[in-house]
Amino acid sequence: MKAMILAAGFGTRLKPLTDTVPKALVEVAGHPMVAYPLAVVREAGIREVIINLHHLGDAIRRQLGDGDRHGLSITYSEENPILDTGGAIKKAEEFLRGDTFVVLNADMVIDLDLGAVIEWHRAKRAMATMVLRRNDGPRDYGVIEIDRDGRIKRFLGVPADVDEALSPMMFTGVHVFEPKVFDYMREGRFGINAETYPAMLAAGEPLYGYAFDGYWTVLDTPDLLAVGQDRIATGGVLASTRHPGKIS
């Protein structure tokens, strides 16, 4: 299996820090931010990773290199102009297409057993699985609604006429995909949540949400970055995440 880490963004909400440091390399408890999703991937036994680059991408390439000293094989996907989430994944199609693959955002810390998610995804025969959690705060991340079996039935309010009880969830930034997802993608810049998932849902494809209740935080504002730093430093997350090993 292969993985993609989305790391091309400008990190606008972390400015001025990200004027000179790419968001993926902002330090979190002694490690660059990107170390944490890479550790999740490595713990699942995945070694081949592609990372998309745009804003200050050369710095990421210099830091991580070919991945050998980190126990990984890292390839890079240069974007000019930046392609957003869907366009980034589509551009990496040649690298990813051979089998089930995973995509993770670079700006999060999550105590996730990714191997268990992949097994669950395959047991469901899903085309796409999103790792979700209860949406118990401000709905800044959009609402994704699942049925009792975990199947996604409503995505960002569409369709409106679902005649069954659904559980509202939010997306963590982790996907598992089958290669058929590329049939719903086009070239160019677009968001996967804004365009690809709604198209797959409308076509009746088997989309599932894996309900996750462990530790997760996004690190895209100074306040959230401080919370993540404190939680990791004080041992509030699993050891595999707290000490992401070879990544430095």
Protein backbone atom coordinates (compact mmCIF):
# COMPACT_ATOMS: atom_id res chain seq x y z
CA MET A 1 0.00 0.00 0.00
CA LYS A 2 0.95 3.62 -0.47
CA ALA A 3 0.11 6.85 1.31
CA MET A 4 -0.13 10.53 0.46
CA ILE A 5 0.48 13.38 2.90
CA LEU A 6 -1.08 16.71 1.90
CA ALA A 7 1.52 19.35 2.75
CA ALA A 8 1.36 21.98 0.00
CA GLY A 9 -0.76 24.59 1.80
CA PHE A 10 0.24 28.14 2.74
CA GLY A 11 -0.56 27.77 6.45
CA THR A 12 -2.30 31.14 6.35
CA ARG A 13 -3.80 30.87 9.84
CA LEU A 14 -0.35 30.32 11.35
CA LYS A 15 1.16 33.48 9.87
CA PRO A 16 3.66 35.08 10.39
CA LEU A 17 5.35 31.81 11.43
CA THR A 18 4.59 30.23 8.07
CA ASP A 19 6.03 33.15 6.12
CA THR A 20 9.43 31.50 6.52
CA VAL A 21 8.63 27.92 7.64
CA PRO A 22 6.25 25.62 5.73
CA LYS A 23 3.38 24.51 7.94
CA ALA A 24 4.45 20.87 7.68
CA LEU A 25 7.78 21.73 9.35
CA VAL A 26 6.42 23.83 12.21
CA GLU A 27 7.74 22.25 15.40
CA VAL A 28 5.28 20.40 17.63
CA ALA A 29 6.71 18.97 20.86
CA GLY A 30 10.18 18.63 19.38
CA HIS A 31 9.20 17.23 15.97
CA PRO A 32 8.07 18.79 12.68
CA MET A 33 4.31 18.68 12.31
CA VAL A 34 4.51 16.27 9.38
CA ALA A 35 6.23 13.70 11.63
CA TYR A 36 2.95 12.77 13.26
CA PRO A 37 0.95 11.66 10.19
CA LEU A 38 4.09 9.97 8.86
CA ALA A 39 4.33 8.02 12.13
CA VAL A 40 0.69 6.91 11.76
CA VAL A 41 1.46 5.67 8.24
CA ARG A 42 4.64 3.89 9.31
CA GLU A 43 2.89 2.19 12.26
CA ALA A 44 0.43 0.72 9.73
CA GLY A 45 3.32 -0.90 7.83
CA ILE A 46 3.16 1.49 4.88
CA ARG A 47 6.57 2.55 3.58
CA GLU A 48 5.92 4.27 0.25
CA VAL A 49 4.73 7.85 0.68
CA ILE A 50 4.16 10.77 -1.66
CA ILE A 51 4.08 14.33 -0.31
CA ASN A 52 2.74 17.23 -2.35
CA LEU A 53 4.72 20.46 -2.27
CA HIS A 54 4.05 24.09 -3.08
CA HIS A 55 4.62 26.76 -0.40
CA LEU A 56 8.29 26.55 0.70
CA GLY A 57 8.33 23.02 -0.62
CA ASP A 58 12.12 22.89 -1.02
CA ALA A 59 12.46 23.12 2.76
CA ILE A 60 10.28 20.02 3.21
CA ARG A 61 12.29 18.14 0.60
CA ARG A 62 15.57 19.07 2.30
CA GLN A 63 14.27 18.03 5.73
CA LEU A 64 12.85 14.64 4.76
CA GLY A 65 14.99 13.74 1.76
CA ASP A 66 14.22 10.43 0.11
CA GLY A 67 12.90 9.10 3.40
CA ASP A 68 15.55 6.40 3.79
CA ARG A 69 16.89 7.66 7.11
CA HIS A 70 13.30 7.81 8.39
CA GLY A 71 12.39 4.22 7.49
CA LEU A 72 10.30 5.36 4.52
CA SER A 73 10.54 5.85 0.79
CA ILE A 74 9.34 9.38 0.04
CA THR A 75 8.41 10.75 -3.37
CA TYR A 76 7.38 14.35 -4.00
CA SER A 77 4.66 15.88 -6.15
CA GLU A 78 5.46 19.47 -7.07
CA GLU A 79 2.46 21.77 -7.62
CA ASN A 80 2.64 25.04 -9.49
CA PRO A 81 0.00 26.36 -9.17
CA ILE A 82 -1.32 24.78 -5.98
CA LEU A 83 -4.07 22.23 -6.73
CA ASP A 84 -6.17 21.90 -3.54
CA THR A 85 -6.91 18.47 -2.06
CA GLY A 86 -8.66 16.83 -4.99
CA GLY A 87 -6.30 18.16 -7.62
CA ALA A 88 -3.32 17.10 -5.53
CA ILE A 89 -4.54 13.50 -5.23
CA LYS A 90 -5.42 13.35 -8.93
CA LYS A 91 -1.94 14.58 -9.87
CA ALA A 92 -0.46 11.71 -7.83
CA GLU A 93 -2.66 9.11 -9.56
CA GLU A 94 0.19 7.28 -11.29
CA PHE A 95 1.91 6.75 -7.92
CA LEU A 96 -1.24 5.80 -5.98
CA ARG A 97 -3.46 3.91 -8.39
CA GLY A 98 -2.20 0.31 -7.96
CA ASP A 99 -4.05 -0.63 -4.75
CA THR A 100 -5.98 0.66 -1.75
CA PHE A 101 -4.25 3.86 -0.61
CA VAL A 102 -4.51 6.36 2.22
CA VAL A 103 -4.39 10.16 2.32
CA LEU A 104 -3.70 12.21 5.44
CA ASN A 105 -3.49 15.91 6.14
CA ALA A 106 -0.09 17.08 7.39
CA ASP A 107 -1.49 19.45 10.04
CA MET A 108 -2.92 17.09 12.64
CA VAL A 109 -2.04 14.78 15.50
CA ILE A 110 -4.20 11.69 15.78
CA ASP A 111 -3.96 8.52 17.93
CA LEU A 112 -5.22 6.29 15.14
CA ASP A 113 -4.62 2.62 14.38
CA LEU A 114 -4.59 3.11 10.64
CA GLY A 115 -4.17 -0.61 10.01
CA ALA A 116 -7.49 -1.25 11.78
CA VAL A 117 -9.17 1.40 9.65
CA ILE A 118 -7.87 -0.22 6.46
CA GLU A 119 -9.16 -3.64 7.57
CA TRP A 120 -12.57 -2.12 8.39
CA HIS A 121 -12.65 -0.34 5.02
CA ARG A 122 -11.99 -3.59 3.18
CA ALA A 123 -14.52 -5.54 5.25
CA LYS A 124 -17.16 -2.97 4.25
CA ARG A 125 -16.07 -3.19 0.61
CA ALA A 126 -16.00 0.57 0.63
CA MET A 127 -14.75 2.67 -2.25
CA ALA A 128 -13.84 5.43 0.18
CA THR A 129 -13.69 5.63 3.96
CA MET A 130 -13.38 8.84 5.93
CA VAL A 131 -12.16 8.74 9.52
CA LEU A 132 -14.82 10.72 11.41
CA ARG A 133 -15.52 11.84 14.95
CA ARG A 134 -18.47 13.26 16.84
CA ASN A 135 -19.19 16.82 15.83
CA ASP A 136 -19.74 18.21 19.31
CA GLY A 137 -18.32 21.71 18.79
CA PRO A 138 -18.53 24.47 16.22
CA ARG A 139 -19.29 22.98 12.84
CA ASP A 140 -16.37 24.62 11.08
CA TYR A 141 -15.39 21.35 9.42
CA GLY A 142 -18.74 20.54 7.82
CA VAL A 143 -21.22 17.83 8.80
CA ILE A 144 -21.01 14.30 7.42
CA GLU A 145 -23.87 12.00 8.42
CA ILE A 146 -23.70 8.23 8.69
CA ASP A 147 -26.24 5.49 9.30
CA ARG A 148 -26.00 2.77 11.96
CA ASP A 149 -23.75 0.68 9.71
CA GLY A 150 -21.33 3.57 9.16
CA ARG A 151 -22.39 4.29 5.60
CA ILE A 152 -22.30 7.96 4.62
CA LYS A 153 -25.82 9.00 3.65
CA ARG A 154 -25.62 12.79 3.73
CA PHE A 155 -22.61 14.94 2.91
CA LEU A 156 -22.59 18.63 3.85
CA GLY A 157 -26.38 18.66 3.91
CA VAL A 158 -26.92 16.82 0.61
CA PRO A 159 -29.22 15.09 -0.09
CA ALA A 160 -31.75 16.77 2.18
CA ASP A 161 -34.41 14.04 1.99
CA VAL A 162 -32.80 11.06 3.76
CA ASP A 163 -35.63 9.23 5.53
CA GLU A 164 -33.72 7.62 8.44
CA ALA A 165 -31.94 8.60 11.62
CA LEU A 166 -28.35 9.63 10.96
CA SER A 167 -25.41 10.53 13.21
CA PRO A 168 -23.69 13.87 12.50
CA MET A 169 -19.91 13.58 12.38
CA MET A 170 -16.91 15.67 11.37
CA PHE A 171 -13.91 14.75 9.23
CA THR A 172 -10.47 14.28 10.82
CA GLY A 173 -8.33 14.54 7.69
CA VAL A 174 -7.74 10.80 7.07
CA HIS A 175 -9.11 8.97 4.02
CA VAL A 176 -8.81 5.41 2.72
CA PHE A 177 -9.52 5.00 -1.00
CA GLU A 178 -9.85 2.41 -3.71
CA PRO A 179 -8.39 3.43 -7.09
CA LYS A 180 -11.89 3.81 -8.54
CA VAL A 181 -12.01 7.21 -6.82
CA PHE A 182 -9.97 8.55 -9.73
CA ASP A 183 -12.97 7.98 -12.02
CA TYR A 184 -14.66 10.84 -10.16
CA MET A 185 -11.75 13.26 -10.45
CA ARG A 186 -10.70 15.70 -13.11
CA GLU A 187 -7.44 17.47 -13.82
CA GLY A 188 -6.81 20.89 -12.29
CA ARG A 189 -7.58 22.54 -8.99
CA PHE A 190 -10.54 21.33 -6.92
CA GLY A 191 -11.40 20.19 -3.41
CA ILE A 192 -12.14 16.51 -2.83
CA ASN A 193 -14.78 17.24 -0.19
CA ALA A 194 -16.46 19.93 -2.26
CA GLU A 195 -16.54 17.98 -5.52
CA THR A 196 -15.50 14.32 -5.47
CA TYR A 197 -17.36 12.98 -2.43
CA PRO A 198 -20.70 14.57 -3.44
CA ALA A 199 -20.35 13.09 -6.92
CA MET A 200 -19.59 9.62 -5.53
CA LEU A 201 -22.49 9.84 -3.08
CA ALA A 202 -24.89 10.87 -5.84
CA ALA A 203 -23.74 7.89 -7.91
CA GLY A 204 -24.50 5.49 -5.04
CA GLU A 205 -20.91 4.45 -4.43
CA PRO A 206 -20.20 2.70 -1.09
CA LEU A 207 -18.81 5.50 1.08
CA TYR A 208 -18.24 4.87 4.77
CA GLY A 209 -17.31 6.78 7.88
CA TYR A 210 -15.08 5.12 10.47
CA ALA A 211 -16.14 6.51 13.85
CA PHE A 212 -13.05 7.44 15.88
CA ASP A 213 -13.17 8.63 19.50
CA GLY A 214 -9.47 8.82 20.36
CA TYR A 215 -7.25 11.88 20.57
CA TRP A 216 -7.21 14.21 17.57
CA THR A 217 -6.36 17.82 17.03
CA VAL A 218 -5.74 19.95 14.01
CA LEU A 219 -2.75 22.31 14.31
CA ASP A 220 -3.66 25.12 11.95
CA THR A 221 -3.99 28.09 14.36
CA PRO A 222 -1.67 29.36 17.11
CA ASP A 223 -4.17 28.34 19.81
CA LEU A 224 -4.61 24.82 18.45
CA LEU A 225 -0.87 24.48 17.99
CA ALA A 226 -0.35 25.38 21.65
CA VAL A 227 -2.96 22.83 22.74
CA GLY A 228 -1.31 20.10 20.68
CA GLN A 229 2.12 20.97 22.04
CA ASP A 230 0.89 20.75 25.62
CA ARG A 231 -1.09 17.54 25.16
CA ILE A 232 1.80 15.69 23.55
CA ALA A 233 4.41 17.02 25.97
CA THR A 234 2.37 15.97 29.02
CA GLY A 235 1.71 12.46 27.77
CA GLY A 236 -1.92 12.93 26.79
CA VAL A 237 -1.57 10.87 23.62
CA LEU A 238 -0.25 7.42 22.77
CA ALA A 239 3.47 6.79 22.86
CA SER A 240 3.64 6.01 19.13
CA THR A 241 2.31 9.49 18.42
CA ARG A 242 4.10 11.26 21.25
CA HIS A 243 7.47 9.92 20.04
CA PRO A 244 7.19 9.55 16.26
CA GLY A 245 10.46 7.71 16.04
CA LYS A 246 12.87 8.31 13.23
CA ILE A 247 11.21 11.44 11.85
CA SER A 248 13.03 14.54 13.06
